[in-house]
Amino acid sequence: MISNTYIYEADSDVIRFVQITDPHLFKDEQGELLGVNTQQSLTQVLTELKENQFNYDFVLATGDIVQDSSEEAYLRFCKSVQQLDKMVFWIPGNHDFQPKMFDILVQEHGNLSPKKHLLLGDKWQILMLDSQVFGVPHGQLGQYQLEWLDSKLKDNPDRYSLVVLHHHILPTHSSWLDQHNLRNAHELAQVLAQYDNVRGILYGHIHQAMDGTWKDYQIMATPSTCIQFKPDSNVFALDTLQPGWREVELHSDGSIITRVNRIQKASFLPNMQEDGY
C-alpha cells in the first residue's frame, strides 16, 4: 500500500507555505468565468508570487482547480505551477471532477503530489481533507475522512495540527453562499474536540479573504486566483478586489502567522452585471 504521508525535513523552526485556491480553469485557454480569463489571472498570481520575497517551502492548492471537468485544464494547471519549483499538494473542490483530477494529478506530474498527510519538521502536521459531495456545491466530510482525521491526530499527539479542506465553516453573511458551506461542521468539531493539538483550519471556496476564530481554532479563508465574491451580500454579487493568495508561517510554539496578498501589477475586473454562475 502506497503511503499517503509526505515527510518534510525542515531547515528552520518555522514552516512556510503559500495557499492558492479556486483557479476555475477551462479547456480553452481563453475561457472566462464571469468576464475574467481564469488562466491569465492564475498566471498573474503565480508571477507575482514568484516575485514576492516570502521564502516558502511548498504550496497548497485547495480545490476548484478546473471549472469544466476537462483534461486539458488539469494538464495546464500542472504546467502552470511547475514554474514555482516547489512541491504542490492539492485537494478537490466542488467543481472538480475527481476521476479525471486523480488520473492526472495523482501521477505526480512535475512538482505535484497526491499526499494528504504532511509531517513538517518536528513540530507540525497538515491534514488535507476531501469535503466534496459529487454534483452539489455544498460540502460534507464523509465517515472515512472523519475517521482518517481522527487517526492522524491520535497518532501524532505531539505535533501541532493544521486542518485543510475546500468548503467553509464560518459564515460569510451572504445567504446565497452560506448555503454551500460544510454541512457537517459539527461532526468535524466532535473529532477535533478530542485533541488539544489542533491550531487552525484553512480553506478556499468563498472567493474572499477571511480571518477569524471558530471554537478556539484559527480560521483562514483565501481569495480565489480569479473572481472575488462580495461579502455580506444576500444575493449573488461580485467584488472588484483583485485575485490573490495566502502566505502562512507555522511556528514551533504552535502559533500561526499569516497574510493575504493580492496582485498589484495587473487588474482583472469581472462582469458586475452577472447574477450567478
C-alpha atoms as a PDB file:
ATOM      1  CA  MET A   1       0.000   0.000   0.000  1.00  0.00           C
ATOM      2  CA  ILE A   2       1.352   3.408  -1.008  1.00  0.00           C
ATOM      3  CA  SER A   3       1.820   5.792   1.911  1.00  0.00           C
ATOM      4  CA  ASN A   4      -0.320   8.902   1.975  1.00  0.00           C
ATOM      5  CA  THR A   5       2.257  10.700   4.132  1.00  0.00           C
ATOM      6  CA  TYR A   6       4.830  13.222   2.960  1.00  0.00           C
ATOM      7  CA  ILE A   7       7.760  13.889   5.289  1.00  0.00           C
ATOM      8  CA  TYR A   8       9.348  17.311   5.040  1.00  0.00           C
ATOM      9  CA  GLU A   9      12.712  17.735   6.733  1.00  0.00           C
ATOM     10  CA  ALA A  10      12.691  21.394   7.704  1.00  0.00           C
ATOM     11  CA  ASP A  11      15.842  23.512   7.847  1.00  0.00           C
ATOM     12  CA  SER A  12      14.175  26.053  10.122  1.00  0.00           C
ATOM     13  CA  ASP A  13      11.955  26.198  13.193  1.00  0.00           C
ATOM     14  CA  VAL A  14       9.367  27.966  11.028  1.00  0.00           C
ATOM     15  CA  ILE A  15       7.446  26.133   8.281  1.00  0.00           C
ATOM     16  CA  ARG A  16       6.362  28.473   5.483  1.00  0.00           C
ATOM     17  CA  PHE A  17       3.909  27.754   2.685  1.00  0.00           C
ATOM     18  CA  VAL A  18       1.531  29.506   0.313  1.00  0.00           C
ATOM     19  CA  GLN A  19      -2.073  28.671  -0.495  1.00  0.00           C
ATOM     20  CA  ILE A  20      -3.638  29.161  -3.914  1.00  0.00           C
ATOM     21  CA  THR A  21      -7.265  28.284  -4.440  1.00  0.00           C
ATOM     22  CA  ASP A  22     -10.200  28.235  -6.869  1.00  0.00           C
ATOM     23  CA  PRO A  23      -8.494  28.864 -10.239  1.00  0.00           C
ATOM     24  CA  HIS A  24     -11.543  27.549 -12.204  1.00  0.00           C
ATOM     25  CA  LEU A  25      -9.553  26.795 -15.373  1.00  0.00           C
ATOM     26  CA  PHE A  26     -11.205  25.864 -18.675  1.00  0.00           C
ATOM     27  CA  LYS A  27     -10.362  23.561 -21.574  1.00  0.00           C
ATOM     28  CA  ASP A  28      -9.997  26.673 -23.724  1.00  0.00           C
ATOM     29  CA  GLU A  29      -7.058  28.780 -22.583  1.00  0.00           C
ATOM     30  CA  GLN A  30      -9.167  31.832 -23.378  1.00  0.00           C
ATOM     31  CA  GLY A  31     -12.044  30.618 -21.197  1.00  0.00           C
ATOM     32  CA  GLU A  32     -13.648  33.221 -18.953  1.00  0.00           C
ATOM     33  CA  LEU A  33     -15.568  32.968 -15.697  1.00  0.00           C
ATOM     34  CA  LEU A  34     -17.950  35.912 -15.326  1.00  0.00           C
ATOM     35  CA  GLY A  35     -15.761  38.047 -17.553  1.00  0.00           C
ATOM     36  CA  VAL A  36     -12.348  37.064 -16.156  1.00  0.00           C
ATOM     37  CA  ASN A  37      -9.880  34.931 -18.111  1.00  0.00           C
ATOM     38  CA  THR A  38      -9.028  32.439 -15.386  1.00  0.00           C
ATOM     39  CA  GLN A  39      -5.786  31.213 -16.958  1.00  0.00           C
ATOM     40  CA  GLN A  40      -4.473  34.755 -17.240  1.00  0.00           C
ATOM     41  CA  SER A  41      -5.424  35.603 -13.659  1.00  0.00           C
ATOM     42  CA  LEU A  42      -3.782  32.417 -12.321  1.00  0.00           C
ATOM     43  CA  THR A  43      -0.659  33.183 -14.351  1.00  0.00           C
ATOM     44  CA  GLN A  44      -0.519  36.689 -12.893  1.00  0.00           C
ATOM     45  CA  VAL A  45      -0.912  35.374  -9.345  1.00  0.00           C
ATOM     46  CA  LEU A  46       1.897  32.863  -9.858  1.00  0.00           C
ATOM     47  CA  THR A  47       4.123  35.525 -11.456  1.00  0.00           C
ATOM     48  CA  GLU A  48       3.733  37.940  -8.556  1.00  0.00           C
ATOM     49  CA  LEU A  49       4.007  35.115  -6.023  1.00  0.00           C
ATOM     50  CA  LYS A  50       7.413  34.258  -7.517  1.00  0.00           C
ATOM     51  CA  GLU A  51       8.483  37.895  -7.330  1.00  0.00           C
ATOM     52  CA  ASN A  52       7.470  38.134  -3.669  1.00  0.00           C
ATOM     53  CA  GLN A  53      10.192  37.875  -1.016  1.00  0.00           C
ATOM     54  CA  PHE A  54       8.348  35.248   1.044  1.00  0.00           C
ATOM     55  CA  ASN A  55      10.665  32.222   1.244  1.00  0.00           C
ATOM     56  CA  TYR A  56       8.116  29.408   1.311  1.00  0.00           C
ATOM     57  CA  ASP A  57       8.660  25.650   1.437  1.00  0.00           C
ATOM     58  CA  PHE A  58       5.674  24.292  -0.515  1.00  0.00           C
ATOM     59  CA  VAL A  59       2.235  25.129  -1.947  1.00  0.00           C
ATOM     60  CA  LEU A  60      -1.302  24.027  -1.060  1.00  0.00           C
ATOM     61  CA  ALA A  61      -3.893  24.158  -3.863  1.00  0.00           C
ATOM     62  CA  THR A  62      -7.272  23.906  -2.149  1.00  0.00           C
ATOM     63  CA  GLY A  63      -9.739  22.956  -4.831  1.00  0.00           C
ATOM     64  CA  ASP A  64     -11.863  24.091  -7.763  1.00  0.00           C
ATOM     65  CA  ILE A  65      -8.808  23.737  -9.957  1.00  0.00           C
ATOM     66  CA  VAL A  66     -10.970  23.293 -13.053  1.00  0.00           C
ATOM     67  CA  GLN A  67     -14.399  24.650 -13.993  1.00  0.00           C
ATOM     68  CA  ASP A  68     -15.384  22.396 -16.903  1.00  0.00           C
ATOM     69  CA  SER A  69     -14.007  18.927 -15.933  1.00  0.00           C
ATOM     70  CA  SER A  70     -11.568  18.990 -18.845  1.00  0.00           C
ATOM     71  CA  GLU A  71      -8.310  17.065 -19.035  1.00  0.00           C
ATOM     72  CA  GLU A  72      -6.710  19.993 -20.844  1.00  0.00           C
ATOM     73  CA  ALA A  73      -7.373  22.364 -17.939  1.00  0.00           C
ATOM     74  CA  TYR A  74      -5.890  19.971 -15.359  1.00  0.00           C
ATOM     75  CA  LEU A  75      -2.804  19.483 -17.508  1.00  0.00           C
ATOM     76  CA  ARG A  76      -2.442  23.247 -17.924  1.00  0.00           C
ATOM     77  CA  PHE A  77      -2.623  23.667 -14.148  1.00  0.00           C
ATOM     78  CA  CYS A  78       0.218  21.146 -13.808  1.00  0.00           C
ATOM     79  CA  LYS A  79       2.265  23.095 -16.343  1.00  0.00           C
ATOM     80  CA  SER A  80       1.438  26.447 -14.713  1.00  0.00           C
ATOM     81  CA  VAL A  81       2.619  25.530 -11.219  1.00  0.00           C
ATOM     82  CA  GLN A  82       5.858  23.944 -12.442  1.00  0.00           C
ATOM     83  CA  GLN A  83       7.343  27.457 -12.581  1.00  0.00           C
ATOM     84  CA  LEU A  84       7.114  27.701  -8.788  1.00  0.00           C
ATOM     85  CA  ASP A  85       9.697  24.931  -8.411  1.00  0.00           C
ATOM     86  CA  LYS A  86       8.098  23.895  -5.107  1.00  0.00           C
ATOM     87  CA  MET A  87       6.073  20.825  -4.197  1.00  0.00           C
ATOM     88  CA  VAL A  88       2.336  21.398  -4.720  1.00  0.00           C
ATOM     89  CA  PHE A  89      -0.219  19.436  -2.672  1.00  0.00           C
ATOM     90  CA  TRP A  90      -3.879  19.545  -3.665  1.00  0.00           C
ATOM     91  CA  ILE A  91      -7.431  18.672  -2.691  1.00  0.00           C
ATOM     92  CA  PRO A  92     -10.654  18.687  -4.751  1.00  0.00           C
ATOM     93  CA  GLY A  93     -13.330  21.352  -4.628  1.00  0.00           C
ATOM     94  CA  ASN A  94     -16.983  21.116  -5.539  1.00  0.00           C
ATOM     95  CA  HIS A  95     -16.316  21.989  -9.194  1.00  0.00           C
ATOM     96  CA  ASP A  96     -13.563  19.399  -9.664  1.00  0.00           C
ATOM     97  CA  PHE A  97     -14.256  16.130 -11.492  1.00  0.00           C
ATOM     98  CA  GLN A  98     -12.440  13.685  -9.269  1.00  0.00           C
ATOM     99  CA  PRO A  99     -11.945  10.730 -11.667  1.00  0.00           C
ATOM    100  CA  LYS A 100     -10.136  12.940 -14.181  1.00  0.00           C
ATOM    101  CA  MET A 101      -8.449  15.016 -11.483  1.00  0.00           C
ATOM    102  CA  PHE A 102      -6.966  11.945  -9.841  1.00  0.00           C
ATOM    103  CA  ASP A 103      -5.981  10.339 -13.154  1.00  0.00           C
ATOM    104  CA  ILE A 104      -3.906  13.401 -13.993  1.00  0.00           C
ATOM    105  CA  LEU A 105      -2.740  14.941 -10.712  1.00  0.00           C
ATOM    106  CA  VAL A 106      -2.075  11.674  -8.870  1.00  0.00           C
ATOM    107  CA  GLN A 107       0.676  10.876 -11.345  1.00  0.00           C
ATOM    108  CA  GLU A 108       2.855  13.453  -9.595  1.00  0.00           C
ATOM    109  CA  HIS A 109       3.333  15.493 -12.765  1.00  0.00           C
ATOM    110  CA  GLY A 110       6.458  17.534 -12.175  1.00  0.00           C
ATOM    111  CA  ASN A 111       6.108  19.048  -8.725  1.00  0.00           C
ATOM    112  CA  LEU A 112       2.562  17.895  -7.861  1.00  0.00           C
ATOM    113  CA  SER A 113       1.980  15.337  -5.125  1.00  0.00           C
ATOM    114  CA  PRO A 114      -1.221  13.478  -4.145  1.00  0.00           C
ATOM    115  CA  LYS A 115      -0.133  13.130  -0.495  1.00  0.00           C
ATOM    116  CA  LYS A 116      -2.683  14.374   2.029  1.00  0.00           C
ATOM    117  CA  HIS A 117      -0.781  13.943   5.314  1.00  0.00           C
ATOM    118  CA  LEU A 118       2.225  16.244   5.636  1.00  0.00           C
ATOM    119  CA  LEU A 119       4.684  15.768   8.501  1.00  0.00           C
ATOM    120  CA  LEU A 120       6.602  19.029   8.711  1.00  0.00           C
ATOM    121  CA  GLY A 121       9.819  19.145  10.674  1.00  0.00           C
ATOM    122  CA  ASP A 122       9.465  18.055  14.304  1.00  0.00           C
ATOM    123  CA  LYS A 123       6.510  20.181  15.389  1.00  0.00           C
ATOM    124  CA  TRP A 124       3.724  20.303  12.782  1.00  0.00           C
ATOM    125  CA  GLN A 125       1.443  18.244  10.584  1.00  0.00           C
ATOM    126  CA  ILE A 126      -1.057  19.266   7.909  1.00  0.00           C
ATOM    127  CA  LEU A 127      -4.147  17.124   7.298  1.00  0.00           C
ATOM    128  CA  MET A 128      -5.832  17.679   3.925  1.00  0.00           C
ATOM    129  CA  LEU A 129      -9.475  16.589   3.720  1.00  0.00           C
ATOM    130  CA  ASP A 130     -11.858  15.909   0.842  1.00  0.00           C
ATOM    131  CA  SER A 131     -15.145  17.733   1.510  1.00  0.00           C
ATOM    132  CA  GLN A 132     -16.633  17.298  -1.969  1.00  0.00           C
ATOM    133  CA  VAL A 133     -20.156  15.941  -2.414  1.00  0.00           C
ATOM    134  CA  PHE A 134     -20.404  14.990  -6.065  1.00  0.00           C
ATOM    135  CA  GLY A 135     -22.797  17.082  -8.114  1.00  0.00           C
ATOM    136  CA  VAL A 136     -23.681  19.697  -5.485  1.00  0.00           C
ATOM    137  CA  PRO A 137     -21.933  22.899  -4.324  1.00  0.00           C
ATOM    138  CA  HIS A 138     -22.123  22.324  -0.567  1.00  0.00           C
ATOM    139  CA  GLY A 139     -19.595  20.203   1.298  1.00  0.00           C
ATOM    140  CA  GLN A 140     -19.604  17.305   3.721  1.00  0.00           C
ATOM    141  CA  LEU A 141     -16.905  15.197   5.305  1.00  0.00           C
ATOM    142  CA  GLY A 142     -17.648  11.511   4.868  1.00  0.00           C
ATOM    143  CA  GLN A 143     -17.111   8.906   7.544  1.00  0.00           C
ATOM    144  CA  TYR A 144     -13.798   7.802   6.053  1.00  0.00           C
ATOM    145  CA  GLN A 145     -12.467  11.373   6.111  1.00  0.00           C
ATOM    146  CA  LEU A 146     -13.509  11.888   9.730  1.00  0.00           C
ATOM    147  CA  GLU A 147     -12.002   8.566  10.810  1.00  0.00           C
ATOM    148  CA  TRP A 148      -8.782   9.290   8.900  1.00  0.00           C
ATOM    149  CA  LEU A 149      -8.527  12.705  10.557  1.00  0.00           C
ATOM    150  CA  ASP A 150      -9.118  11.146  13.965  1.00  0.00           C
ATOM    151  CA  SER A 151      -6.435   8.525  13.400  1.00  0.00           C
ATOM    152  CA  LYS A 152      -3.788  11.035  12.322  1.00  0.00           C
ATOM    153  CA  LEU A 153      -4.493  13.306  15.274  1.00  0.00           C
ATOM    154  CA  LYS A 154      -4.327  10.315  17.596  1.00  0.00           C
ATOM    155  CA  ASP A 155      -1.086   9.031  16.044  1.00  0.00           C
ATOM    156  CA  ASN A 156       0.688  12.388  16.340  1.00  0.00           C
ATOM    157  CA  PRO A 157      -0.283  13.921  19.702  1.00  0.00           C
ATOM    158  CA  ASP A 158       2.988  15.844  19.987  1.00  0.00           C
ATOM    159  CA  ARG A 159       2.539  17.710  16.704  1.00  0.00           C
ATOM    160  CA  TYR A 160       0.578  20.900  16.219  1.00  0.00           C
ATOM    161  CA  SER A 161      -2.014  20.345  13.510  1.00  0.00           C
ATOM    162  CA  LEU A 162      -3.478  22.401  10.687  1.00  0.00           C
ATOM    163  CA  VAL A 163      -6.629  21.046   9.010  1.00  0.00           C
ATOM    164  CA  VAL A 164      -7.193  21.939   5.347  1.00  0.00           C
ATOM    165  CA  LEU A 165     -10.347  21.492   3.268  1.00  0.00           C
ATOM    166  CA  HIS A 166     -12.242  23.239   0.469  1.00  0.00           C
ATOM    167  CA  HIS A 167     -15.585  24.246   1.987  1.00  0.00           C
ATOM    168  CA  HIS A 168     -16.116  27.000   4.516  1.00  0.00           C
ATOM    169  CA  ILE A 169     -17.144  26.797   8.148  1.00  0.00           C
ATOM    170  CA  LEU A 170     -17.540  30.389   9.323  1.00  0.00           C
ATOM    171  CA  PRO A 171     -20.499  32.231   7.786  1.00  0.00           C
ATOM    172  CA  THR A 172     -19.776  34.841   5.131  1.00  0.00           C
ATOM    173  CA  HIS A 173     -23.070  36.626   5.915  1.00  0.00           C
ATOM    174  CA  SER A 174     -24.059  36.094   2.291  1.00  0.00           C
ATOM    175  CA  SER A 175     -27.061  33.785   2.359  1.00  0.00           C
ATOM    176  CA  TRP A 176     -26.634  32.606  -1.248  1.00  0.00           C
ATOM    177  CA  LEU A 177     -23.076  31.477  -0.461  1.00  0.00           C
ATOM    178  CA  ASP A 178     -23.542  30.173   3.064  1.00  0.00           C
ATOM    179  CA  GLN A 179     -25.986  27.518   1.873  1.00  0.00           C
ATOM    180  CA  HIS A 180     -22.940  25.989   0.151  1.00  0.00           C
ATOM    181  CA  ASN A 181     -20.912  25.591   3.347  1.00  0.00           C
ATOM    182  CA  LEU A 182     -19.590  22.479   5.088  1.00  0.00           C
ATOM    183  CA  ARG A 183     -22.842  20.855   6.200  1.00  0.00           C
ATOM    184  CA  ASN A 184     -21.430  18.671   8.979  1.00  0.00           C
ATOM    185  CA  ALA A 185     -19.059  21.069  10.700  1.00  0.00           C
ATOM    186  CA  HIS A 186     -20.480  19.769  13.990  1.00  0.00           C
ATOM    187  CA  GLU A 187     -19.043  16.311  13.243  1.00  0.00           C
ATOM    188  CA  LEU A 188     -15.682  17.854  12.420  1.00  0.00           C
ATOM    189  CA  ALA A 189     -15.829  19.715  15.734  1.00  0.00           C
ATOM    190  CA  GLN A 190     -16.552  16.474  17.601  1.00  0.00           C
ATOM    191  CA  VAL A 191     -13.397  14.874  16.204  1.00  0.00           C
ATOM    192  CA  LEU A 192     -11.210  17.916  16.859  1.00  0.00           C
ATOM    193  CA  ALA A 193     -12.505  18.384  20.407  1.00  0.00           C
ATOM    194  CA  GLN A 194     -10.833  15.140  21.497  1.00  0.00           C
ATOM    195  CA  TYR A 195      -7.374  16.618  20.920  1.00  0.00           C
ATOM    196  CA  ASP A 196      -5.544  19.695  22.114  1.00  0.00           C
ATOM    197  CA  ASN A 197      -3.008  19.900  19.287  1.00  0.00           C
ATOM    198  CA  VAL A 198      -5.184  21.449  16.538  1.00  0.00           C
ATOM    199  CA  ARG A 199      -4.277  25.074  15.922  1.00  0.00           C
ATOM    200  CA  GLY A 200      -6.033  26.124  12.735  1.00  0.00           C
ATOM    201  CA  ILE A 201      -8.347  25.379   9.805  1.00  0.00           C
ATOM    202  CA  LEU A 202      -7.654  26.624   6.294  1.00  0.00           C
ATOM    203  CA  TYR A 203      -9.982  26.617   3.281  1.00  0.00           C
ATOM    204  CA  GLY A 204     -10.960  28.263  -0.020  1.00  0.00           C
ATOM    205  CA  HIS A 205     -14.354  28.117  -1.787  1.00  0.00           C
ATOM    206  CA  ILE A 206     -15.723  31.515  -0.750  1.00  0.00           C
ATOM    207  CA  HIS A 207     -13.576  33.606  -3.134  1.00  0.00           C
ATOM    208  CA  GLN A 208     -12.757  36.139  -0.432  1.00  0.00           C
ATOM    209  CA  ALA A 209     -10.349  36.608   2.438  1.00  0.00           C
ATOM    210  CA  MET A 210     -11.457  35.792   5.957  1.00  0.00           C
ATOM    211  CA  ASP A 211      -9.563  35.505   9.224  1.00  0.00           C
ATOM    212  CA  GLY A 212     -11.469  34.553  12.321  1.00  0.00           C
ATOM    213  CA  THR A 213     -11.985  32.063  15.126  1.00  0.00           C
ATOM    214  CA  TRP A 214     -14.226  29.015  15.412  1.00  0.00           C
ATOM    215  CA  LYS A 215     -14.290  27.027  18.665  1.00  0.00           C
ATOM    216  CA  ASP A 216     -10.858  28.488  19.542  1.00  0.00           C
ATOM    217  CA  TYR A 217      -9.352  27.360  16.211  1.00  0.00           C
ATOM    218  CA  GLN A 218      -7.758  29.960  13.967  1.00  0.00           C
ATOM    219  CA  ILE A 219      -9.810  30.095  10.740  1.00  0.00           C
ATOM    220  CA  MET A 220      -8.366  31.276   7.429  1.00  0.00           C
ATOM    221  CA  ALA A 221     -10.045  31.608   4.024  1.00  0.00           C
ATOM    222  CA  THR A 222      -8.226  32.808   0.942  1.00  0.00           C
ATOM    223  CA  PRO A 223      -9.138  34.813  -2.175  1.00  0.00           C
ATOM    224  CA  SER A 224      -9.540  32.979  -5.453  1.00  0.00           C
ATOM    225  CA  THR A 225      -6.926  33.346  -8.164  1.00  0.00           C
ATOM    226  CA  CYS A 226      -9.790  34.590 -10.384  1.00  0.00           C
ATOM    227  CA  ILE A 227     -13.131  36.236  -9.470  1.00  0.00           C
ATOM    228  CA  GLN A 228     -13.966  37.506  -5.976  1.00  0.00           C
ATOM    229  CA  PHE A 229     -17.343  37.241  -4.231  1.00  0.00           C
ATOM    230  CA  LYS A 230     -18.601  40.292  -2.351  1.00  0.00           C
ATOM    231  CA  PRO A 231     -19.009  39.656   1.404  1.00  0.00           C
ATOM    232  CA  ASP A 232     -22.175  40.493   3.325  1.00  0.00           C
ATOM    233  CA  SER A 233     -24.485  40.201   0.313  1.00  0.00           C
ATOM    234  CA  ASN A 234     -27.712  38.226   0.491  1.00  0.00           C
ATOM    235  CA  VAL A 235     -27.859  37.919  -3.290  1.00  0.00           C
ATOM    236  CA  PHE A 236     -25.072  36.856  -5.645  1.00  0.00           C
ATOM    237  CA  ALA A 237     -22.598  39.724  -6.008  1.00  0.00           C
ATOM    238  CA  LEU A 238     -19.067  40.094  -7.331  1.00  0.00           C
ATOM    239  CA  ASP A 239     -16.304  42.211  -5.846  1.00  0.00           C
ATOM    240  CA  THR A 240     -13.734  44.406  -7.570  1.00  0.00           C
ATOM    241  CA  LEU A 241     -10.915  43.219  -5.291  1.00  0.00           C
ATOM    242  CA  GLN A 242      -8.106  41.543  -7.192  1.00  0.00           C
ATOM    243  CA  PRO A 243      -7.071  37.856  -7.215  1.00  0.00           C
ATOM    244  CA  GLY A 244      -4.650  36.756  -4.551  1.00  0.00           C
ATOM    245  CA  TRP A 245      -3.005  34.107  -2.437  1.00  0.00           C
ATOM    246  CA  ARG A 246      -2.156  33.484   1.208  1.00  0.00           C
ATOM    247  CA  GLU A 247       1.185  33.164   2.981  1.00  0.00           C
ATOM    248  CA  VAL A 248       1.325  31.057   6.136  1.00  0.00           C
ATOM    249  CA  GLU A 249       4.012  30.587   8.773  1.00  0.00           C
ATOM    250  CA  LEU A 250       3.773  27.697  11.234  1.00  0.00           C
ATOM    251  CA  HIS A 251       5.925  28.447  14.266  1.00  0.00           C
ATOM    252  CA  SER A 252       7.463  25.979  16.706  1.00  0.00           C
ATOM    253  CA  ASP A 253       5.384  27.345  19.598  1.00  0.00           C
ATOM    254  CA  GLY A 254       2.152  26.416  17.799  1.00  0.00           C
ATOM    255  CA  SER A 255       1.322  29.910  16.591  1.00  0.00           C
ATOM    256  CA  ILE A 256       0.246  30.675  13.026  1.00  0.00           C
ATOM    257  CA  ILE A 257       1.204  33.939  11.352  1.00  0.00           C
ATOM    258  CA  THR A 258      -0.489  34.635   8.046  1.00  0.00           C
ATOM    259  CA  ARG A 259      -1.208  37.339   5.500  1.00  0.00           C
ATOM    260  CA  VAL A 260      -3.143  37.658   2.242  1.00  0.00           C
ATOM    261  CA  ASN A 261      -1.515  39.163  -0.836  1.00  0.00           C
ATOM    262  CA  ARG A 262      -3.326  40.389  -3.940  1.00  0.00           C
ATOM    263  CA  ILE A 263      -1.853  41.098  -7.342  1.00  0.00           C
ATOM    264  CA  GLN A 264      -0.514  44.618  -7.889  1.00  0.00           C
ATOM    265  CA  LYS A 265       0.756  44.642 -11.474  1.00  0.00           C
ATOM    266  CA  ALA A 266      -2.432  43.821 -13.377  1.00  0.00           C
ATOM    267  CA  SER A 267      -6.177  44.257 -12.999  1.00  0.00           C
ATOM    268  CA  PHE A 268      -8.951  41.730 -13.580  1.00  0.00           C
ATOM    269  CA  LEU A 269     -12.478  43.109 -13.421  1.00  0.00           C
ATOM    270  CA  PRO A 270     -15.452  40.751 -13.745  1.00  0.00           C
ATOM    271  CA  ASN A 271     -18.747  41.479 -15.415  1.00  0.00           C
ATOM    272  CA  MET A 272     -20.518  43.080 -12.469  1.00  0.00           C
ATOM    273  CA  GLN A 273     -23.933  42.546 -14.094  1.00  0.00           C
ATOM    274  CA  GLU A 274     -23.744  38.762 -13.725  1.00  0.00           C
ATOM    275  CA  ASP A 275     -26.245  37.287 -11.276  1.00  0.00           C
ATOM    276  CA  GLY A 276     -24.749  33.830 -10.762  1.00  0.00           C
ATOM    277  CA  TYR A 277     -22.689  31.067 -12.308  1.00  0.00           C
END
